Structures are given as C-alpha cells and as structure tokens.
Amino acid sequence: MAAGVIAVALLATACGGAAEVVNEQLLESIEGVENVEINEDDGSFEVTIEEDGESITIGGGEIPEGLTVPVPPGGDVVGAASSDSDISVSLMFPGDQYDDLVAQYQSWADGSGQEVAKSESTYESDGTEIRNVSWSTDDGSVFVTVSDCISIETGEFDSACVTIYEQS
C-alpha cells in the first residue's frame, strides 16, 4: 500500500508547486511516515521520507553521515538511504571516469584490512557494452559496485554509477 502511494506521489511531483505540498501531506498520512520533503529544482526533484527513525532520499540528496567507504569527488548523488544499522548511496559520474572509479575502489578493497571478494561482468545490450565490477566484504557488511549506466540527463549509456551499501 505505502509503496503504491509513494509511486503515485512521485509521478505527481512532476507537476510541482501545490502538488508538492499535497504529496507531502499524502505521504505523511501513511502510518509511521513523517517529515516528508519534496523539493523541485530546475526540472529535477528530490523526495526525502523519514519513517520510524529511518530516512530515504530519492532523486538526489547528500552522502549520508557515517559512511566509511570513500566517495570520489565529482559524482552526483541520485539516491541515499540511512537507518540505525544501514547506509546506502548511489552516485552518477561522467562515463569517462569508469576506469578511474574501478581503480579507486580496487585500491580501497586492497587497503581495507578485510577479506574483499571481487566480481566482474560484461554484457551487451543493443550493441552497447555494459561493464560492472562489484566488491563485497566477507562478512557482508559492505558492498560496492561500479557500473556503466544510463544518464538521467541524456538517456544514453554514457555515465558511470557507483552504489555503496554499508551495514553496521
């Protein structure tokens, strides 16, 4: 139920203005959901929902406090979530930074002092090669992935996405 209401509100948010206030009130009417903020800026939007002490931001936001995995400069936060025990963030970088991002996270994995498993894959979609590299700690507390992805701005596979998940 809540997921459906949130989806409808996100679609309606594109209307902006008064719709933002109505959607905030609609989402806050869901049991346990509070402090909903919808911000529209330059045709993009950001939705932040706090529920029972946990927070999720869709469409932007900031890198959550407490994240210990390094985040290289130059990326745009496209989503973030945090709770008492979990932190996750997704960032989008220019596609030409893919190899540098992979090298930076490999360096992080090598120097982390933990056992870190690495997985790589490549596949083709409509003539476009899509790469993905993931690292995960042996205890499952940290997962990092770097992948080719579709740019929000162009709709093309010309970006590199980084997703970081940490569990405390």
Protein backbone atom coordinates (compact mmCIF):
# COMPACT_ATOMS: atom_id res chain seq x y z
CA MET A 1 0.00 0.00 0.00
CA ALA A 2 2.63 2.55 1.06
CA ALA A 3 4.78 1.77 -1.99
CA GLY A 4 1.85 2.44 -4.31
CA VAL A 5 1.03 5.76 -2.65
CA ILE A 6 4.69 6.78 -2.82
CA ALA A 7 4.86 5.86 -6.53
CA VAL A 8 1.74 7.93 -7.31
CA ALA A 9 3.13 10.85 -5.32
CA LEU A 10 6.45 10.69 -7.14
CA LEU A 11 4.72 10.77 -10.51
CA ALA A 12 2.52 13.66 -9.44
CA THR A 13 5.52 15.56 -8.09
CA ALA A 14 6.48 16.36 -11.65
CA CYS A 15 3.62 18.87 -11.59
CA GLY A 16 5.45 20.90 -8.91
CA GLY A 17 4.03 23.82 -6.93
CA ALA A 18 0.92 22.96 -4.97
CA ALA A 19 1.32 19.30 -5.89
CA GLU A 20 4.46 19.18 -3.74
CA VAL A 21 2.51 20.23 -0.63
CA VAL A 22 -0.37 17.84 -1.37
CA ASN A 23 2.02 14.95 -1.97
CA GLU A 24 3.96 15.69 1.23
CA GLN A 25 0.68 15.60 3.16
CA LEU A 26 -0.43 12.43 1.35
CA LEU A 27 2.81 10.61 2.18
CA GLU A 28 2.77 11.81 5.79
CA SER A 29 -0.73 10.30 6.17
CA ILE A 30 0.82 6.81 5.90
CA GLU A 31 1.22 5.29 9.35
CA GLY A 32 4.78 5.72 10.63
CA VAL A 33 5.82 8.13 7.86
CA GLU A 34 6.80 11.62 8.92
CA ASN A 35 8.87 14.60 7.80
CA VAL A 36 8.35 14.21 4.06
CA GLU A 37 10.13 16.84 1.99
CA ILE A 38 9.67 17.18 -1.77
CA ASN A 39 11.93 19.72 -3.48
CA GLU A 40 11.78 20.55 -7.15
CA ASP A 41 14.64 22.47 -8.72
CA ASP A 42 15.42 23.09 -12.39
CA GLY A 43 13.14 20.29 -13.59
CA SER A 44 14.63 17.70 -11.25
CA PHE A 45 13.23 16.58 -7.92
CA GLU A 46 14.27 15.15 -4.61
CA VAL A 47 11.99 13.29 -2.20
CA THR A 48 13.07 12.63 1.38
CA ILE A 49 10.95 10.43 3.62
CA GLU A 50 11.60 9.72 7.27
CA GLU A 51 9.82 6.74 8.77
CA ASP A 52 10.30 5.36 12.27
CA GLY A 53 13.76 6.95 12.60
CA GLU A 54 14.95 5.84 9.15
CA SER A 55 15.41 8.09 6.15
CA ILE A 56 15.41 7.61 2.39
CA THR A 57 16.08 10.20 -0.30
CA ILE A 58 15.13 9.55 -3.91
CA GLY A 59 16.36 11.67 -6.79
CA GLY A 60 19.24 13.41 -5.09
CA GLY A 61 20.31 14.27 -1.62
CA GLU A 62 23.58 14.13 0.23
CA ILE A 63 26.03 11.43 1.17
CA PRO A 64 24.70 10.04 4.47
CA GLU A 65 26.68 10.72 7.64
CA GLY A 66 28.61 7.73 8.92
CA LEU A 67 29.57 6.32 5.53
CA THR A 68 33.10 4.94 5.89
CA VAL A 69 33.72 3.85 2.29
CA PRO A 70 35.40 6.73 0.42
CA VAL A 71 33.44 8.60 -2.22
CA PRO A 72 35.47 10.21 -5.02
CA PRO A 73 34.63 13.83 -5.88
CA GLY A 74 32.69 14.72 -9.00
CA GLY A 75 29.65 12.50 -8.63
CA ASP A 76 26.01 13.47 -8.22
CA VAL A 77 24.01 11.74 -5.52
CA VAL A 78 20.97 10.17 -7.18
CA GLY A 79 19.67 8.36 -4.11
CA ALA A 80 20.53 7.80 -0.48
CA ALA A 81 19.10 5.95 2.49
CA SER A 82 20.12 5.54 6.09
CA SER A 83 18.89 3.93 9.26
CA ASP A 84 20.40 3.00 12.60
CA SER A 85 22.08 -0.04 11.02
CA ASP A 86 22.33 0.61 7.25
CA ILE A 87 23.66 3.30 4.93
CA SER A 88 23.39 3.29 1.16
CA VAL A 89 24.12 5.84 -1.52
CA SER A 90 24.01 5.82 -5.31
CA LEU A 91 26.04 8.30 -7.32
CA MET A 92 26.36 9.11 -11.00
CA PHE A 93 29.66 10.17 -12.59
CA PRO A 94 30.65 11.02 -16.16
CA GLY A 95 31.20 7.77 -18.08
CA ASP A 96 34.82 8.55 -18.84
CA GLN A 97 35.58 8.15 -15.12
CA TYR A 98 34.61 4.44 -15.09
CA ASP A 99 38.19 3.06 -15.14
CA ASP A 100 39.37 5.57 -12.52
CA LEU A 101 36.44 4.63 -10.26
CA VAL A 102 37.24 0.93 -10.60
CA ALA A 103 40.90 1.63 -9.76
CA GLN A 104 39.95 3.73 -6.73
CA TYR A 105 37.62 1.09 -5.30
CA GLN A 106 40.15 -1.67 -6.01
CA SER A 107 42.67 0.36 -4.02
CA TRP A 108 40.10 0.74 -1.23
CA ALA A 109 39.46 -3.04 -1.24
CA ASP A 110 43.19 -3.83 -1.18
CA GLY A 111 43.80 -1.49 1.75
CA SER A 112 40.63 -2.15 3.74
CA GLY A 113 42.19 -4.75 6.03
CA GLN A 114 39.26 -7.08 5.31
CA GLU A 115 38.70 -10.02 3.01
CA VAL A 116 37.01 -8.48 -0.02
CA ALA A 117 35.61 -10.54 -2.90
CA LYS A 118 35.55 -9.03 -6.39
CA SER A 119 33.16 -9.85 -9.21
CA GLU A 120 33.32 -8.54 -12.77
CA SER A 121 30.89 -8.91 -15.64
CA THR A 122 30.38 -7.50 -19.10
CA TYR A 123 27.37 -7.89 -21.34
CA GLU A 124 25.96 -6.31 -24.45
CA SER A 125 22.61 -4.60 -24.84
CA ASP A 126 21.51 -3.20 -28.19
CA GLY A 127 25.12 -3.02 -29.34
CA THR A 128 26.37 -1.28 -26.19
CA GLU A 129 28.90 -3.00 -23.92
CA ILE A 130 27.94 -2.65 -20.26
CA ARG A 131 30.55 -3.29 -17.58
CA ASN A 132 30.07 -3.97 -13.89
CA VAL A 133 32.57 -4.51 -11.07
CA SER A 134 31.48 -5.31 -7.50
CA TRP A 135 33.32 -5.75 -4.23
CA SER A 136 31.86 -7.23 -1.04
CA THR A 137 33.39 -7.87 2.33
CA ASP A 138 33.39 -11.47 3.51
CA ASP A 139 31.07 -10.61 6.40
CA GLY A 140 28.61 -8.91 4.01
CA SER A 141 28.79 -5.57 5.82
CA VAL A 142 29.98 -3.59 2.79
CA PHE A 143 29.05 -3.85 -0.88
CA VAL A 144 30.35 -1.50 -3.59
CA THR A 145 29.54 -1.63 -7.28
CA VAL A 146 30.73 0.44 -10.25
CA SER A 147 28.81 0.04 -13.48
CA ASP A 148 28.11 1.67 -16.80
CA CYS A 149 24.68 3.23 -16.58
CA ILE A 150 22.12 5.37 -18.33
CA SER A 151 22.47 9.09 -17.71
CA ILE A 152 19.48 10.81 -16.20
CA GLU A 153 20.18 13.79 -18.46
CA THR A 154 20.83 12.10 -21.82
CA GLY A 155 19.03 8.76 -21.56
CA GLU A 156 22.15 7.12 -23.00
CA PHE A 157 24.74 4.70 -21.55
CA ASP A 158 27.26 7.49 -21.03
CA SER A 159 27.59 7.55 -17.24
CA ALA A 160 29.27 5.52 -14.53
CA CYS A 161 27.24 4.68 -11.45
CA VAL A 162 28.58 3.84 -8.01
CA THR A 163 26.43 2.19 -5.37
CA ILE A 164 27.70 1.76 -1.82
CA TYR A 165 25.91 -0.20 0.90
CA GLU A 166 27.22 -0.41 4.47
CA GLN A 167 25.75 -2.28 7.39
CA SER A 168 26.92 -1.65 10.93
